[in-house]
Amino acid sequence: MAWFIAIQHIGFGILEMFLFKGPIGQKIFRIDPAFAERAAPLMANQGLYNMFLAAGLILAELQGDLMWKRFFFACVIVAGIYGAATVSSRILWLQAAPAAIALALTFRKALS
């Protein structure tokens, strides 16, 4: 699950950092070109944060460090909840839900 969520956040980062102003970004985010142009610097910054989340998950997975995996899953959940509350409820299902499942699985694994 850590790899899936990391790849997901790399995709979010690429979308937000490099594709936001183009037709793909405008279609996915349901925005017009003028807004895309104005918001692009903010989205690039958000994309960078998504890349940091991905990097943290990848490093935790490579190190086999359960504590850090849990930490980064929790960060993704908080970011997803905040995004759902402030931008779109789709973010809850696309970002927070997979991380919540992954986090729950780390505790299930620890109990068995």
PDB file of N, CA and C in Angstrom:
ATOM      1  N   MET A   1       0.823  -1.208   0.000  1.00  0.00           N
ATOM      2  CA  MET A   1       0.000   0.000   0.000  1.00  0.00           C
ATOM      3  C   MET A   1       0.865   1.268   0.000  1.00  0.00           C
ATOM      4  N   ALA A   2       2.013   1.234   0.669  1.00  0.00           N
ATOM      5  CA  ALA A   2       2.869   2.421   0.698  1.00  0.00           C
ATOM      6  C   ALA A   2       3.314   2.789  -0.718  1.00  0.00           C
ATOM      7  N   TRP A   3       3.645   1.784  -1.517  1.00  0.00           N
ATOM      8  CA  TRP A   3       4.063   2.063  -2.893  1.00  0.00           C
ATOM      9  C   TRP A   3       2.913   2.663  -3.696  1.00  0.00           C
ATOM     10  N   PHE A   4       1.726   2.112  -3.540  1.00  0.00           N
ATOM     11  CA  PHE A   4       0.556   2.628  -4.262  1.00  0.00           C
ATOM     12  C   PHE A   4       0.315   4.098  -3.916  1.00  0.00           C
ATOM     13  N   ILE A   5       0.340   4.407  -2.634  1.00  0.00           N
ATOM     14  CA  ILE A   5       0.063   5.783  -2.202  1.00  0.00           C
ATOM     15  C   ILE A   5       1.201   6.713  -2.620  1.00  0.00           C
ATOM     16  N   ALA A   6       2.433   6.226  -2.573  1.00  0.00           N
ATOM     17  CA  ALA A   6       3.569   7.040  -3.031  1.00  0.00           C
ATOM     18  C   ALA A   6       3.440   7.346  -4.520  1.00  0.00           C
ATOM     19  N   ILE A   7       3.111   6.340  -5.315  1.00  0.00           N
ATOM     20  CA  ILE A   7       2.945   6.555  -6.756  1.00  0.00           C
ATOM     21  C   ILE A   7       1.785   7.512  -7.015  1.00  0.00           C
ATOM     22  N   GLN A   8       0.728   7.353  -6.255  1.00  0.00           N
ATOM     23  CA  GLN A   8      -0.418   8.257  -6.363  1.00  0.00           C
ATOM     24  C   GLN A   8       0.028   9.706  -6.125  1.00  0.00           C
ATOM     25  N   HIS A   9       0.846   9.932  -5.103  1.00  0.00           N
ATOM     26  CA  HIS A   9       1.277  11.297  -4.779  1.00  0.00           C
ATOM     27  C   HIS A   9       2.303  11.828  -5.762  1.00  0.00           C
ATOM     28  N   ILE A  10       3.081  10.960  -6.356  1.00  0.00           N
ATOM     29  CA  ILE A  10       3.958  11.403  -7.451  1.00  0.00           C
ATOM     30  C   ILE A  10       3.087  11.890  -8.605  1.00  0.00           C
ATOM     31  N   GLY A  11       2.033  11.150  -8.890  1.00  0.00           N
ATOM     32  CA  GLY A  11       1.097  11.574  -9.936  1.00  0.00           C
ATOM     33  C   GLY A  11       0.434  12.899  -9.612  1.00  0.00           C
ATOM     34  N   PHE A  12      -0.012  13.055  -8.360  1.00  0.00           N
ATOM     35  CA  PHE A  12      -0.602  14.335  -7.950  1.00  0.00           C
ATOM     36  C   PHE A  12       0.424  15.460  -8.137  1.00  0.00           C
ATOM     37  N   GLY A  13       1.658  15.194  -7.723  1.00  0.00           N
ATOM     38  CA  GLY A  13       2.712  16.204  -7.832  1.00  0.00           C
ATOM     39  C   GLY A  13       2.968  16.619  -9.268  1.00  0.00           C
ATOM     40  N   ILE A  14       3.068  15.633 -10.160  1.00  0.00           N
ATOM     41  CA  ILE A  14       3.289  15.934 -11.583  1.00  0.00           C
ATOM     42  C   ILE A  14       2.117  16.742 -12.136  1.00  0.00           C
ATOM     43  N   LEU A  15       0.925  16.313 -11.803  1.00  0.00           N
ATOM     44  CA  LEU A  15      -0.277  17.022 -12.266  1.00  0.00           C
ATOM     45  C   LEU A  15      -0.274  18.471 -11.786  1.00  0.00           C
ATOM     46  N   GLU A  16      -0.001  18.673 -10.513  1.00  0.00           N
ATOM     47  CA  GLU A  16      -0.069  20.012  -9.931  1.00  0.00           C
ATOM     48  C   GLU A  16       1.111  20.889 -10.328  1.00  0.00           C
ATOM     49  N   MET A  17       2.291  20.292 -10.470  1.00  0.00           N
ATOM     50  CA  MET A  17       3.480  21.084 -10.767  1.00  0.00           C
ATOM     51  C   MET A  17       3.653  21.388 -12.255  1.00  0.00           C
ATOM     52  N   PHE A  18       3.289  20.422 -13.103  1.00  0.00           N
ATOM     53  CA  PHE A  18       3.630  20.555 -14.519  1.00  0.00           C
ATOM     54  C   PHE A  18       2.441  20.548 -15.483  1.00  0.00           C
ATOM     55  N   LEU A  19       1.326  19.977 -15.096  1.00  0.00           N
ATOM     56  CA  LEU A  19       0.204  19.830 -16.026  1.00  0.00           C
ATOM     57  C   LEU A  19      -0.997  20.704 -15.682  1.00  0.00           C
ATOM     58  N   PHE A  20      -0.922  21.417 -14.584  1.00  0.00           N
ATOM     59  CA  PHE A  20      -2.070  22.167 -14.089  1.00  0.00           C
ATOM     60  C   PHE A  20      -2.611  23.176 -15.106  1.00  0.00           C
ATOM     61  N   LYS A  21      -1.725  23.945 -15.750  1.00  0.00           N
ATOM     62  CA  LYS A  21      -2.171  25.001 -16.666  1.00  0.00           C
ATOM     63  C   LYS A  21      -2.658  24.458 -18.009  1.00  0.00           C
ATOM     64  N   GLY A  22      -2.297  23.248 -18.330  1.00  0.00           N
ATOM     65  CA  GLY A  22      -2.649  22.688 -19.627  1.00  0.00           C
ATOM     66  C   GLY A  22      -4.036  22.071 -19.646  1.00  0.00           C
ATOM     67  N   PRO A  23      -4.397  21.496 -20.788  1.00  0.00           N
ATOM     68  CA  PRO A  23      -5.745  20.937 -20.935  1.00  0.00           C
ATOM     69  C   PRO A  23      -6.048  19.801 -19.958  1.00  0.00           C
ATOM     70  N   ILE A  24      -5.056  18.998 -19.636  1.00  0.00           N
ATOM     71  CA  ILE A  24      -5.281  17.886 -18.694  1.00  0.00           C
ATOM     72  C   ILE A  24      -5.623  18.441 -17.320  1.00  0.00           C
ATOM     73  N   GLY A  25      -4.819  19.376 -16.831  1.00  0.00           N
ATOM     74  CA  GLY A  25      -5.074  19.973 -15.524  1.00  0.00           C
ATOM     75  C   GLY A  25      -6.401  20.702 -15.474  1.00  0.00           C
ATOM     76  N   GLN A  26      -6.715  21.436 -16.539  1.00  0.00           N
ATOM     77  CA  GLN A  26      -7.978  22.180 -16.572  1.00  0.00           C
ATOM     78  C   GLN A  26      -9.176  21.231 -16.548  1.00  0.00           C
ATOM     79  N   LYS A  27      -9.045  20.116 -17.235  1.00  0.00           N
ATOM     80  CA  LYS A  27     -10.149  19.155 -17.253  1.00  0.00           C
ATOM     81  C   LYS A  27     -10.305  18.472 -15.897  1.00  0.00           C
ATOM     82  N   ILE A  28      -9.196  18.005 -15.327  1.00  0.00           N
ATOM     83  CA  ILE A  28      -9.258  17.295 -14.046  1.00  0.00           C
ATOM     84  C   ILE A  28      -9.756  18.211 -12.931  1.00  0.00           C
ATOM     85  N   PHE A  29      -9.239  19.436 -12.897  1.00  0.00           N
ATOM     86  CA  PHE A  29      -9.616  20.368 -11.829  1.00  0.00           C
ATOM     87  C   PHE A  29     -10.864  21.183 -12.162  1.00  0.00           C
ATOM     88  N   ARG A  30     -11.394  21.017 -13.370  1.00  0.00           N
ATOM     89  CA  ARG A  30     -12.612  21.706 -13.806  1.00  0.00           C
ATOM     90  C   ARG A  30     -12.467  23.228 -13.687  1.00  0.00           C
ATOM     91  N   ILE A  31     -11.424  23.739 -14.315  1.00  0.00           N
ATOM     92  CA  ILE A  31     -11.121  25.171 -14.239  1.00  0.00           C
ATOM     93  C   ILE A  31     -10.942  25.750 -15.641  1.00  0.00           C
ATOM     94  N   ASP A  32     -11.015  27.058 -15.729  1.00  0.00           N
ATOM     95  CA  ASP A  32     -10.797  27.732 -17.011  1.00  0.00           C
ATOM     96  C   ASP A  32      -9.339  28.177 -17.122  1.00  0.00           C
ATOM     97  N   PRO A  33      -8.886  28.472 -18.350  1.00  0.00           N
ATOM     98  CA  PRO A  33      -7.479  28.847 -18.549  1.00  0.00           C
ATOM     99  C   PRO A  33      -7.018  30.048 -17.722  1.00  0.00           C
ATOM    100  N   ALA A  34      -7.870  31.045 -17.553  1.00  0.00           N
ATOM    101  CA  ALA A  34      -7.472  32.238 -16.788  1.00  0.00           C
ATOM    102  C   ALA A  34      -7.201  31.884 -15.322  1.00  0.00           C
ATOM    103  N   PHE A  35      -8.083  31.079 -14.750  1.00  0.00           N
ATOM    104  CA  PHE A  35      -7.863  30.674 -13.365  1.00  0.00           C
ATOM    105  C   PHE A  35      -6.620  29.798 -13.261  1.00  0.00           C
ATOM    106  N   ALA A  36      -6.439  28.903 -14.226  1.00  0.00           N
ATOM    107  CA  ALA A  36      -5.268  28.018 -14.217  1.00  0.00           C
ATOM    108  C   ALA A  36      -3.979  28.832 -14.205  1.00  0.00           C
ATOM    109  N   GLU A  37      -3.938  29.868 -14.988  1.00  0.00           N
ATOM    110  CA  GLU A  37      -2.748  30.717 -15.058  1.00  0.00           C
ATOM    111  C   GLU A  37      -2.485  31.402 -13.712  1.00  0.00           C
ATOM    112  N   ARG A  38      -3.525  31.924 -13.105  1.00  0.00           N
ATOM    113  CA  ARG A  38      -3.368  32.632 -11.819  1.00  0.00           C
ATOM    114  C   ARG A  38      -2.992  31.682 -10.681  1.00  0.00           C
ATOM    115  N   ALA A  39      -3.574  30.492 -10.673  1.00  0.00           N
ATOM    116  CA  ALA A  39      -3.379  29.561  -9.559  1.00  0.00           C
ATOM    117  C   ALA A  39      -2.158  28.657  -9.721  1.00  0.00           C
ATOM    118  N   ALA A  40      -1.534  28.661 -10.875  1.00  0.00           N
ATOM    119  CA  ALA A  40      -0.428  27.737 -11.145  1.00  0.00           C
ATOM    120  C   ALA A  40       0.694  27.773 -10.100  1.00  0.00           C
ATOM    121  N   PRO A  41       1.154  28.938  -9.646  1.00  0.00           N
ATOM    122  CA  PRO A  41       2.222  28.923  -8.633  1.00  0.00           C
ATOM    123  C   PRO A  41       1.786  28.248  -7.321  1.00  0.00           C
ATOM    124  N   LEU A  42       0.545  28.467  -6.924  1.00  0.00           N
ATOM    125  CA  LEU A  42       0.046  27.823  -5.704  1.00  0.00           C
ATOM    126  C   LEU A  42      -0.029  26.310  -5.876  1.00  0.00           C
ATOM    127  N   MET A  43      -0.490  25.882  -7.038  1.00  0.00           N
ATOM    128  CA  MET A  43      -0.609  24.448  -7.288  1.00  0.00           C
ATOM    129  C   MET A  43       0.766  23.788  -7.396  1.00  0.00           C
ATOM    130  N   ALA A  44       1.735  24.495  -7.961  1.00  0.00           N
ATOM    131  CA  ALA A  44       3.087  23.944  -8.035  1.00  0.00           C
ATOM    132  C   ALA A  44       3.638  23.713  -6.630  1.00  0.00           C
ATOM    133  N   ASN A  45       3.365  24.634  -5.730  1.00  0.00           N
ATOM    134  CA  ASN A  45       3.786  24.487  -4.341  1.00  0.00           C
ATOM    135  C   ASN A  45       3.097  23.281  -3.703  1.00  0.00           C
ATOM    136  N   GLN A  46       1.828  23.140  -3.941  1.00  0.00           N
ATOM    137  CA  GLN A  46       1.078  21.992  -3.415  1.00  0.00           C
ATOM    138  C   GLN A  46       1.622  20.691  -4.005  1.00  0.00           C
ATOM    139  N   GLY A  47       1.972  20.724  -5.280  1.00  0.00           N
ATOM    140  CA  GLY A  47       2.550  19.545  -5.924  1.00  0.00           C
ATOM    141  C   GLY A  47       3.862  19.132  -5.284  1.00  0.00           C
ATOM    142  N   LEU A  48       4.659  20.114  -4.911  1.00  0.00           N
ATOM    143  CA  LEU A  48       5.922  19.815  -4.240  1.00  0.00           C
ATOM    144  C   LEU A  48       5.675  19.115  -2.913  1.00  0.00           C
ATOM    145  N   TYR A  49       4.673  19.557  -2.161  1.00  0.00           N
ATOM    146  CA  TYR A  49       4.337  18.890  -0.900  1.00  0.00           C
ATOM    147  C   TYR A  49       3.903  17.450  -1.140  1.00  0.00           C
ATOM    148  N   ASN A  50       3.160  17.215  -2.209  1.00  0.00           N
ATOM    149  CA  ASN A  50       2.780  15.840  -2.523  1.00  0.00           C
ATOM    150  C   ASN A  50       4.000  14.989  -2.853  1.00  0.00           C
ATOM    151  N   MET A  51       4.982  15.582  -3.510  1.00  0.00           N
ATOM    152  CA  MET A  51       6.224  14.857  -3.799  1.00  0.00           C
ATOM    153  C   MET A  51       6.968  14.522  -2.495  1.00  0.00           C
ATOM    154  N   PHE A  52       6.938  15.432  -1.536  1.00  0.00           N
ATOM    155  CA  PHE A  52       7.577  15.148  -0.248  1.00  0.00           C
ATOM    156  C   PHE A  52       6.870  14.010   0.478  1.00  0.00           C
ATOM    157  N   LEU A  53       5.545  13.972   0.409  1.00  0.00           N
ATOM    158  CA  LEU A  53       4.817  12.853   1.009  1.00  0.00           C
ATOM    159  C   LEU A  53       5.223  11.538   0.341  1.00  0.00           C
ATOM    160  N   ALA A  54       5.318  11.555  -0.982  1.00  0.00           N
ATOM    161  CA  ALA A  54       5.737  10.356  -1.713  1.00  0.00           C
ATOM    162  C   ALA A  54       7.152   9.945  -1.304  1.00  0.00           C
ATOM    163  N   ALA A  55       8.053  10.907  -1.219  1.00  0.00           N
ATOM    164  CA  ALA A  55       9.435  10.601  -0.839  1.00  0.00           C
ATOM    165  C   ALA A  55       9.496   9.986   0.558  1.00  0.00           C
ATOM    166  N   GLY A  56       8.739  10.532   1.479  1.00  0.00           N
ATOM    167  CA  GLY A  56       8.720   9.985   2.832  1.00  0.00           C
ATOM    168  C   GLY A  56       8.212   8.555   2.865  1.00  0.00           C
ATOM    169  N   LEU A  57       7.147   8.292   2.119  1.00  0.00           N
ATOM    170  CA  LEU A  57       6.614   6.927   2.077  1.00  0.00           C
ATOM    171  C   LEU A  57       7.599   5.959   1.427  1.00  0.00           C
ATOM    172  N   ILE A  58       8.249   6.403   0.374  1.00  0.00           N
ATOM    173  CA  ILE A  58       9.229   5.544  -0.300  1.00  0.00           C
ATOM    174  C   ILE A  58      10.393   5.232   0.629  1.00  0.00           C
ATOM    175  N   LEU A  59      10.918   6.246   1.289  1.00  0.00           N
ATOM    176  CA  LEU A  59      12.034   6.011   2.214  1.00  0.00           C
ATOM    177  C   LEU A  59      11.626   5.104   3.369  1.00  0.00           C
ATOM    178  N   ALA A  60      10.444   5.322   3.914  1.00  0.00           N
ATOM    179  CA  ALA A  60       9.970   4.468   5.012  1.00  0.00           C
ATOM    180  C   ALA A  60       9.808   3.029   4.543  1.00  0.00           C
ATOM    181  N   GLU A  61       9.307   2.847   3.338  1.00  0.00           N
ATOM    182  CA  GLU A  61       9.132   1.497   2.790  1.00  0.00           C
ATOM    183  C   GLU A  61      10.477   0.831   2.551  1.00  0.00           C
ATOM    184  N   LEU A  62      11.411   1.563   1.958  1.00  0.00           N
ATOM    185  CA  LEU A  62      12.740   0.999   1.694  1.00  0.00           C
ATOM    186  C   LEU A  62      13.473   0.634   2.980  1.00  0.00           C
ATOM    187  N   GLN A  63      13.267   1.417   4.018  1.00  0.00           N
ATOM    188  CA  GLN A  63      13.899   1.156   5.312  1.00  0.00           C
ATOM    189  C   GLN A  63      13.128   0.121   6.132  1.00  0.00           C
ATOM    190  N   GLY A  64      11.911  -0.167   5.720  1.00  0.00           N
ATOM    191  CA  GLY A  64      11.070  -1.086   6.487  1.00  0.00           C
ATOM    192  C   GLY A  64      10.679  -0.519   7.838  1.00  0.00           C
ATOM    193  N   ASP A  65      10.544   0.793   7.898  1.00  0.00           N
ATOM    194  CA  ASP A  65      10.281   1.475   9.160  1.00  0.00           C
ATOM    195  C   ASP A  65       8.783   1.715   9.332  1.00  0.00           C
ATOM    196  N   LEU A  66       8.167   0.898  10.138  1.00  0.00           N
ATOM    197  CA  LEU A  66       6.726   0.953  10.339  1.00  0.00           C
ATOM    198  C   LEU A  66       6.275   2.269  10.967  1.00  0.00           C
ATOM    199  N   MET A  67       7.048   2.799  11.907  1.00  0.00           N
ATOM    200  CA  MET A  67       6.680   4.054  12.557  1.00  0.00           C
ATOM    201  C   MET A  67       6.592   5.192  11.539  1.00  0.00           C
ATOM    202  N   TRP A  68       7.579   5.303  10.657  1.00  0.00           N
ATOM    203  CA  TRP A  68       7.578   6.375   9.673  1.00  0.00           C
ATOM    204  C   TRP A  68       6.504   6.159   8.611  1.00  0.00           C
ATOM    205  N   LYS A  69       6.231   4.907   8.258  1.00  0.00           N
ATOM    206  CA  LYS A  69       5.124   4.651   7.331  1.00  0.00           C
ATOM    207  C   LYS A  69       3.825   5.148   7.936  1.00  0.00           C
ATOM    208  N   ARG A  70       3.609   4.831   9.197  1.00  0.00           N
ATOM    209  CA  ARG A  70       2.392   5.286   9.883  1.00  0.00           C
ATOM    210  C   ARG A  70       2.326   6.807   9.921  1.00  0.00           C
ATOM    211  N   PHE A  71       3.469   7.430  10.212  1.00  0.00           N
ATOM    212  CA  PHE A  71       3.511   8.895  10.251  1.00  0.00           C
ATOM    213  C   PHE A  71       3.100   9.488   8.912  1.00  0.00           C
ATOM    214  N   PHE A  72       3.677   8.989   7.817  1.00  0.00           N
ATOM    215  CA  PHE A  72       3.355   9.554   6.507  1.00  0.00           C
ATOM    216  C   PHE A  72       1.948   9.195   6.057  1.00  0.00           C
ATOM    217  N   PHE A  73       1.454   8.017   6.403  1.00  0.00           N
ATOM    218  CA  PHE A  73       0.047   7.713   6.124  1.00  0.00           C
ATOM    219  C   PHE A  73      -0.854   8.714   6.858  1.00  0.00           C
ATOM    220  N   ALA A  74      -0.520   9.000   8.105  1.00  0.00           N
ATOM    221  CA  ALA A  74      -1.309   9.971   8.877  1.00  0.00           C
ATOM    222  C   ALA A  74      -1.240  11.359   8.243  1.00  0.00           C
ATOM    223  N   CYS A  75      -0.071  11.756   7.752  1.00  0.00           N
ATOM    224  CA  CYS A  75       0.060  13.048   7.067  1.00  0.00           C
ATOM    225  C   CYS A  75      -0.839  13.096   5.834  1.00  0.00           C
ATOM    226  N   VAL A  76      -0.861  12.016   5.065  1.00  0.00           N
ATOM    227  CA  VAL A  76      -1.705  11.957   3.872  1.00  0.00           C
ATOM    228  C   VAL A  76      -3.183  12.044   4.267  1.00  0.00           C
ATOM    229  N   ILE A  77      -3.549  11.360   5.335  1.00  0.00           N
ATOM    230  CA  ILE A  77      -4.947  11.402   5.798  1.00  0.00           C
ATOM    231  C   ILE A  77      -5.341  12.818   6.188  1.00  0.00           C
ATOM    232  N   VAL A  78      -4.499  13.485   6.961  1.00  0.00           N
ATOM    233  CA  VAL A  78      -4.802  14.855   7.389  1.00  0.00           C
ATOM    234  C   VAL A  78      -4.903  15.779   6.170  1.00  0.00           C
ATOM    235  N   ALA A  79      -3.959  15.647   5.238  1.00  0.00           N
ATOM    236  CA  ALA A  79      -4.005  16.475   4.031  1.00  0.00           C
ATOM    237  C   ALA A  79      -5.280  16.199   3.235  1.00  0.00           C
ATOM    238  N   GLY A  80      -5.670  14.942   3.150  1.00  0.00           N
ATOM    239  CA  GLY A  80      -6.887  14.580   2.426  1.00  0.00           C
ATOM    240  C   GLY A  80      -8.142  15.112   3.081  1.00  0.00           C
ATOM    241  N   ILE A  81      -8.198  15.034   4.390  1.00  0.00           N
ATOM    242  CA  ILE A  81      -9.363  15.569   5.112  1.00  0.00           C
ATOM    243  C   ILE A  81      -9.445  17.087   4.945  1.00  0.00           C
ATOM    244  N   TYR A  82      -8.312  17.747   5.074  1.00  0.00           N
ATOM    245  CA  TYR A  82      -8.290  19.198   4.910  1.00  0.00           C
ATOM    246  C   TYR A  82      -8.683  19.590   3.483  1.00  0.00           C
ATOM    247  N   GLY A  83      -8.140  18.873   2.510  1.00  0.00           N
ATOM    248  CA  GLY A  83      -8.499  19.141   1.114  1.00  0.00           C
ATOM    249  C   GLY A  83      -9.973  18.912   0.853  1.00  0.00           C
ATOM    250  N   ALA A  84     -10.519  17.865   1.451  1.00  0.00           N
ATOM    251  CA  ALA A  84     -11.952  17.590   1.280  1.00  0.00           C
ATOM    252  C   ALA A  84     -12.801  18.692   1.903  1.00  0.00           C
ATOM    253  N   ALA A  85     -12.355  19.208   3.033  1.00  0.00           N
ATOM    254  CA  ALA A  85     -13.118  20.250   3.729  1.00  0.00           C
ATOM    255  C   ALA A  85     -13.014  21.604   3.026  1.00  0.00           C
ATOM    256  N   THR A  86     -11.904  21.850   2.343  1.00  0.00           N
ATOM    257  CA  THR A  86     -11.683  23.181   1.777  1.00  0.00           C
ATOM    258  C   THR A  86     -11.781  23.262   0.257  1.00  0.00           C
ATOM    259  N   VAL A  87     -11.652  22.114  -0.424  1.00  0.00           N
ATOM    260  CA  VAL A  87     -11.627  22.151  -1.894  1.00  0.00           C
ATOM    261  C   VAL A  87     -12.712  21.278  -2.512  1.00  0.00           C
ATOM    262  N   SER A  88     -12.638  19.967  -2.273  1.00  0.00           N
ATOM    263  CA  SER A  88     -13.577  19.042  -2.904  1.00  0.00           C
ATOM    264  C   SER A  88     -13.671  17.752  -2.101  1.00  0.00           C
ATOM    265  N   SER A  89     -14.871  17.255  -1.935  1.00  0.00           N
ATOM    266  CA  SER A  89     -15.051  16.002  -1.195  1.00  0.00           C
ATOM    267  C   SER A  89     -14.409  14.819  -1.918  1.00  0.00           C
ATOM    268  N   ARG A  90     -14.155  14.965  -3.214  1.00  0.00           N
ATOM    269  CA  ARG A  90     -13.470  13.891  -3.954  1.00  0.00           C
ATOM    270  C   ARG A  90     -12.108  13.578  -3.351  1.00  0.00           C
ATOM    271  N   ILE A  91     -11.458  14.575  -2.774  1.00  0.00           N
ATOM    272  CA  ILE A  91     -10.126  14.383  -2.205  1.00  0.00           C
ATOM    273  C   ILE A  91     -10.163  13.396  -1.041  1.00  0.00           C
ATOM    274  N   LEU A  92     -11.268  13.398  -0.303  1.00  0.00           N
ATOM    275  CA  LEU A  92     -11.400  12.459   0.812  1.00  0.00           C
ATOM    276  C   LEU A  92     -11.283  11.023   0.313  1.00  0.00           C
ATOM    277  N   TRP A  93     -11.946  10.730  -0.790  1.00  0.00           N
ATOM    278  CA  TRP A  93     -11.964   9.349  -1.299  1.00  0.00           C
ATOM    279  C   TRP A  93     -10.717   9.017  -2.102  1.00  0.00           C
ATOM    280  N   LEU A  94     -10.166   9.998  -2.779  1.00  0.00           N
ATOM    281  CA  LEU A  94      -9.004   9.758  -3.625  1.00  0.00           C
ATOM    282  C   LEU A  94      -7.704   9.717  -2.836  1.00  0.00           C
ATOM    283  N   GLN A  95      -7.602  10.508  -1.791  1.00  0.00           N
ATOM    284  CA  GLN A  95      -6.341  10.650  -1.064  1.00  0.00           C
ATOM    285  C   GLN A  95      -6.422  10.083   0.359  1.00  0.00           C
ATOM    286  N   ALA A  96      -7.390  10.517   1.133  1.00  0.00           N
ATOM    287  CA  ALA A  96      -7.431  10.127   2.545  1.00  0.00           C
ATOM    288  C   ALA A  96      -7.844   8.670   2.743  1.00  0.00           C
ATOM    289  N   ALA A  97      -8.840   8.217   1.994  1.00  0.00           N
ATOM    290  CA  ALA A  97      -9.348   6.853   2.203  1.00  0.00           C
ATOM    291  C   ALA A  97      -8.286   5.776   1.965  1.00  0.00           C
ATOM    292  N   PRO A  98      -7.536   5.811   0.853  1.00  0.00           N
ATOM    293  CA  PRO A  98      -6.499   4.784   0.687  1.00  0.00           C
ATOM    294  C   PRO A  98      -5.443   4.816   1.798  1.00  0.00           C
ATOM    295  N   ALA A  99      -5.080   6.017   2.233  1.00  0.00           N
ATOM    296  CA  ALA A  99      -4.094   6.129   3.313  1.00  0.00           C
ATOM    297  C   ALA A  99      -4.658   5.603   4.629  1.00  0.00           C
ATOM    298  N   ALA A 100      -5.933   5.839   4.876  1.00  0.00           N
ATOM    299  CA  ALA A 100      -6.563   5.318   6.097  1.00  0.00           C
ATOM    300  C   ALA A 100      -6.595   3.795   6.084  1.00  0.00           C
ATOM    301  N   ILE A 101      -6.891   3.228   4.937  1.00  0.00           N
ATOM    302  CA  ILE A 101      -6.875   1.766   4.810  1.00  0.00           C
ATOM    303  C   ILE A 101      -5.457   1.246   5.037  1.00  0.00           C
ATOM    304  N   ALA A 102      -4.492   1.890   4.423  1.00  0.00           N
ATOM    305  CA  ALA A 102      -3.089   1.476   4.589  1.00  0.00           C
ATOM    306  C   ALA A 102      -2.660   1.579   6.049  1.00  0.00           C
ATOM    307  N   LEU A 103      -3.026   2.668   6.705  1.00  0.00           N
ATOM    308  CA  LEU A 103      -2.674   2.833   8.111  1.00  0.00           C
ATOM    309  C   LEU A 103      -3.315   1.733   8.954  1.00  0.00           C
ATOM    310  N   ALA A 104      -4.582   1.472   8.721  1.00  0.00           N
ATOM    311  CA  ALA A 104      -5.276   0.412   9.470  1.00  0.00           C
ATOM    312  C   ALA A 104      -4.598  -0.938   9.252  1.00  0.00           C
ATOM    313  N   LEU A 105      -4.152  -1.197   8.035  1.00  0.00           N
ATOM    314  CA  LEU A 105      -3.482  -2.470   7.747  1.00  0.00           C
ATOM    315  C   LEU A 105      -2.160  -2.601   8.495  1.00  0.00           C
ATOM    316  N   THR A 106      -1.481  -1.479   8.756  1.00  0.00           N
ATOM    317  CA  THR A 106      -0.227  -1.581   9.509  1.00  0.00           C
ATOM    318  C   THR A 106      -0.493  -2.029  10.943  1.00  0.00           C
ATOM    319  N   PHE A 107      -1.631  -1.651  11.507  1.00  0.00           N
ATOM    320  CA  PHE A 107      -1.966  -2.077  12.865  1.00  0.00           C
ATOM    321  C   PHE A 107      -2.456  -3.518  12.871  1.00  0.00           C
ATOM    322  N   ARG A 108      -3.179  -3.889  11.843  1.00  0.00           N
ATOM    323  CA  ARG A 108      -3.653  -5.277  11.734  1.00  0.00           C
ATOM    324  C   ARG A 108      -2.466  -6.219  11.648  1.00  0.00           C
ATOM    325  N   LYS A 109      -1.492  -5.830  10.825  1.00  0.00           N
ATOM    326  CA  LYS A 109      -0.285  -6.629  10.657  1.00  0.00           C
ATOM    327  C   LYS A 109       0.489  -6.744  11.976  1.00  0.00           C
ATOM    328  N   ALA A 110       0.533  -5.651  12.738  1.00  0.00           N
ATOM    329  CA  ALA A 110       1.259  -5.645  14.013  1.00  0.00           C
ATOM    330  C   ALA A 110       0.582  -6.548  15.046  1.00  0.00           C
ATOM    331  N   LEU A 111      -0.737  -6.706  14.957  1.00  0.00           N
ATOM    332  CA  LEU A 111      -1.460  -7.521  15.911  1.00  0.00           C
ATOM    333  C   LEU A 111      -1.375  -9.009  15.622  1.00  0.00           C
ATOM    334  N   SER A 112      -1.088  -9.350  14.358  1.00  0.00           N
ATOM    335  CA  SER A 112      -1.061 -10.775  14.008  1.00  0.00           C
ATOM    336  C   SER A 112       0.294 -11.398  14.151  1.00  0.00           C
TER     337      SER A 112
END
